[in-house]
C-alpha atoms as a PDB file:
ATOM      1  CA  MET A   1     -20.444 -11.374  -6.130  1.00  0.00           C
ATOM      2  CA  GLN A   2     -21.424 -13.951  -2.983  1.00  0.00           C
ATOM      3  CA  SER A   3     -18.960 -13.961  -0.180  1.00  0.00           C
ATOM      4  CA  GLY A   4     -21.206 -16.673   2.048  1.00  0.00           C
ATOM      5  CA  GLU A   5     -24.190 -15.222   2.912  1.00  0.00           C
ATOM      6  CA  ARG A   6     -23.431 -11.255   1.622  1.00  0.00           C
ATOM      7  CA  THR A   7     -23.843  -9.755  -1.264  1.00  0.00           C
ATOM      8  CA  ILE A   8     -20.293  -7.728  -2.235  1.00  0.00           C
ATOM      9  CA  ARG A   9     -20.633  -4.663  -4.721  1.00  0.00           C
ATOM     10  CA  ALA A  10     -17.368  -4.260  -6.450  1.00  0.00           C
ATOM     11  CA  ILE A  11     -15.908  -2.305  -8.925  1.00  0.00           C
ATOM     12  CA  THR A  12     -12.353  -3.160 -10.475  1.00  0.00           C
ATOM     13  CA  PHE A  13     -10.320  -2.399 -13.389  1.00  0.00           C
ATOM     14  CA  CYS A  14      -7.986  -3.366 -15.648  1.00  0.00           C
ATOM     15  CA  ILE A  15      -5.318  -2.523 -18.295  1.00  0.00           C
ATOM     16  CA  ASP A  16      -3.777  -4.986 -20.947  1.00  0.00           C
ATOM     17  CA  ARG A  17      -0.155  -5.508 -20.056  1.00  0.00           C
ATOM     18  CA  HIS A  18       0.335  -5.294 -23.734  1.00  0.00           C
ATOM     19  CA  SER A  19      -1.391  -2.147 -24.413  1.00  0.00           C
ATOM     20  CA  GLY A  20       1.238   0.609 -24.798  1.00  0.00           C
ATOM     21  CA  ARG A  21      -0.899   2.232 -21.914  1.00  0.00           C
ATOM     22  CA  TYR A  22       0.812  -0.184 -19.626  1.00  0.00           C
ATOM     23  CA  ILE A  23       3.771   0.722 -18.499  1.00  0.00           C
ATOM     24  CA  SER A  24       5.648  -1.115 -15.878  1.00  0.00           C
ATOM     25  CA  GLY A  25       9.321  -1.324 -13.874  1.00  0.00           C
ATOM     26  CA  LEU A  26       8.230   1.902 -12.073  1.00  0.00           C
ATOM     27  CA  THR A  27       9.828   2.829  -8.796  1.00  0.00           C
ATOM     28  CA  VAL A  28       7.883   3.237  -5.673  1.00  0.00           C
ATOM     29  CA  GLU A  29       8.695   7.150  -5.236  1.00  0.00           C
ATOM     30  CA  ALA A  30       7.639   7.257  -9.439  1.00  0.00           C
ATOM     31  CA  ILE A  31       4.004   5.242  -8.902  1.00  0.00           C
ATOM     32  CA  ALA A  32       3.773   7.662  -5.998  1.00  0.00           C
ATOM     33  CA  ASP A  33       4.447  10.998  -7.601  1.00  0.00           C
ATOM     34  CA  VAL A  34       1.775   9.761  -9.854  1.00  0.00           C
ATOM     35  CA  LEU A  35      -0.869   8.671  -7.376  1.00  0.00           C
ATOM     36  CA  ALA A  36      -0.923  11.521  -5.453  1.00  0.00           C
ATOM     37  CA  LYS A  37      -1.842  13.414  -8.660  1.00  0.00           C
ATOM     38  CA  ALA A  38      -3.726  11.279 -10.282  1.00  0.00           C
ATOM     39  CA  VAL A  39      -7.862  12.453 -10.395  1.00  0.00           C
ATOM     40  CA  GLY A  40     -10.248  10.234 -13.023  1.00  0.00           C
ATOM     41  CA  ASN A  41     -14.390  10.129 -13.628  1.00  0.00           C
ATOM     42  CA  ARG A  42     -14.451   8.109 -10.253  1.00  0.00           C
ATOM     43  CA  GLY A  43     -12.255  10.411  -7.964  1.00  0.00           C
ATOM     44  CA  SER A  44      -8.731  10.258  -6.862  1.00  0.00           C
ATOM     45  CA  MET A  45      -6.210   7.760  -7.300  1.00  0.00           C
ATOM     46  CA  ALA A  46      -5.062   8.570  -3.881  1.00  0.00           C
ATOM     47  CA  GLU A  47      -8.555   8.159  -2.555  1.00  0.00           C
ATOM     48  CA  TYR A  48      -8.970   4.639  -4.173  1.00  0.00           C
ATOM     49  CA  LEU A  49      -5.491   3.363  -2.876  1.00  0.00           C
ATOM     50  CA  PHE A  50      -6.536   3.770   0.997  1.00  0.00           C
ATOM     51  CA  ALA A  51      -9.799   3.018   0.472  1.00  0.00           C
ATOM     52  CA  THR A  52      -8.931  -0.534  -1.172  1.00  0.00           C
ATOM     53  CA  VAL A  53      -6.424  -0.949   1.739  1.00  0.00           C
ATOM     54  CA  ARG A  54      -8.237  -0.368   4.371  1.00  0.00           C
ATOM     55  CA  HIS A  55     -10.695  -2.853   2.680  1.00  0.00           C
ATOM     56  CA  LEU A  56      -8.536  -5.175   2.085  1.00  0.00           C
ATOM     57  CA  GLU A  57      -7.522  -4.895   5.494  1.00  0.00           C
ATOM     58  CA  ASP A  58     -10.956  -5.143   6.571  1.00  0.00           C
ATOM     59  CA  MET A  59     -11.209  -8.667   5.249  1.00  0.00           C
ATOM     60  CA  GLY A  60      -7.485  -9.933   6.573  1.00  0.00           C
ATOM     61  CA  ILE A  61      -5.743  -9.291   3.304  1.00  0.00           C
ATOM     62  CA  HIS A  62      -2.634  -7.475   3.291  1.00  0.00           C
ATOM     63  CA  ASP A  63      -0.782  -6.057   0.476  1.00  0.00           C
ATOM     64  CA  PRO A  64       2.099  -5.088   1.206  1.00  0.00           C
ATOM     65  CA  HIS A  65       2.731  -3.582  -2.038  1.00  0.00           C
ATOM     66  CA  LEU A  66      -0.199  -1.420  -1.657  1.00  0.00           C
ATOM     67  CA  TRP A  67       0.839  -0.848   1.809  1.00  0.00           C
ATOM     68  CA  GLN A  68       3.834   0.471   1.224  1.00  0.00           C
ATOM     69  CA  LEU A  69       2.757   3.423  -1.312  1.00  0.00           C
ATOM     70  CA  GLN A  70       0.530   4.836   1.651  1.00  0.00           C
ATOM     71  CA  ASN A  71       2.992   6.934   3.236  1.00  0.00           C
ATOM     72  CA  PRO A  72       4.878   8.097   0.518  1.00  0.00           C
ATOM     73  CA  VAL A  73       1.207   9.087  -1.441  1.00  0.00           C
ATOM     74  CA  ALA A  74       0.467  10.957   1.861  1.00  0.00           C
ATOM     75  CA  GLU A  75       3.615  12.789   1.788  1.00  0.00           C
ATOM     76  CA  ARG A  76       3.341  14.205  -1.660  1.00  0.00           C
ATOM     77  CA  ILE A  77      -0.358  14.904  -0.823  1.00  0.00           C
ATOM     78  CA  GLU A  78       0.539  17.170   2.212  1.00  0.00           C
ATOM     79  CA  ALA A  79       4.264  18.681   0.656  1.00  0.00           C
ATOM     80  CA  ALA A  80       1.148  19.877  -2.322  1.00  0.00           C
ATOM     81  CA  TYR A  81      -1.422  20.927   0.155  1.00  0.00           C
ATOM     82  CA  ALA A  82       1.041  22.618   2.063  1.00  0.00           C
ATOM     83  CA  LEU A  83       2.610  24.735  -1.287  1.00  0.00           C
ATOM     84  CA  ASN A  84      -1.106  25.992  -1.687  1.00  0.00           C
ATOM     85  CA  ARG A  85      -1.218  27.792   1.429  1.00  0.00           C
END
């Protein structure tokens, strides 16, 4: 993608909202439960969330939904880490 003089490389993910794999109506807490544990071929969803928020903020874009997920996800990871000590 071109942005002025810069070329920006990005990977995007999408899902068909009519797919049986698409789930809607989850609370922030339920989403955080999933994101704190989910890992795919490209890494953890928590890392993806934190990096996405950081990069959007660097570009001056504030996504309140993604922003509000950060603390509950981090809390779940910290709690899981504490249990495994």
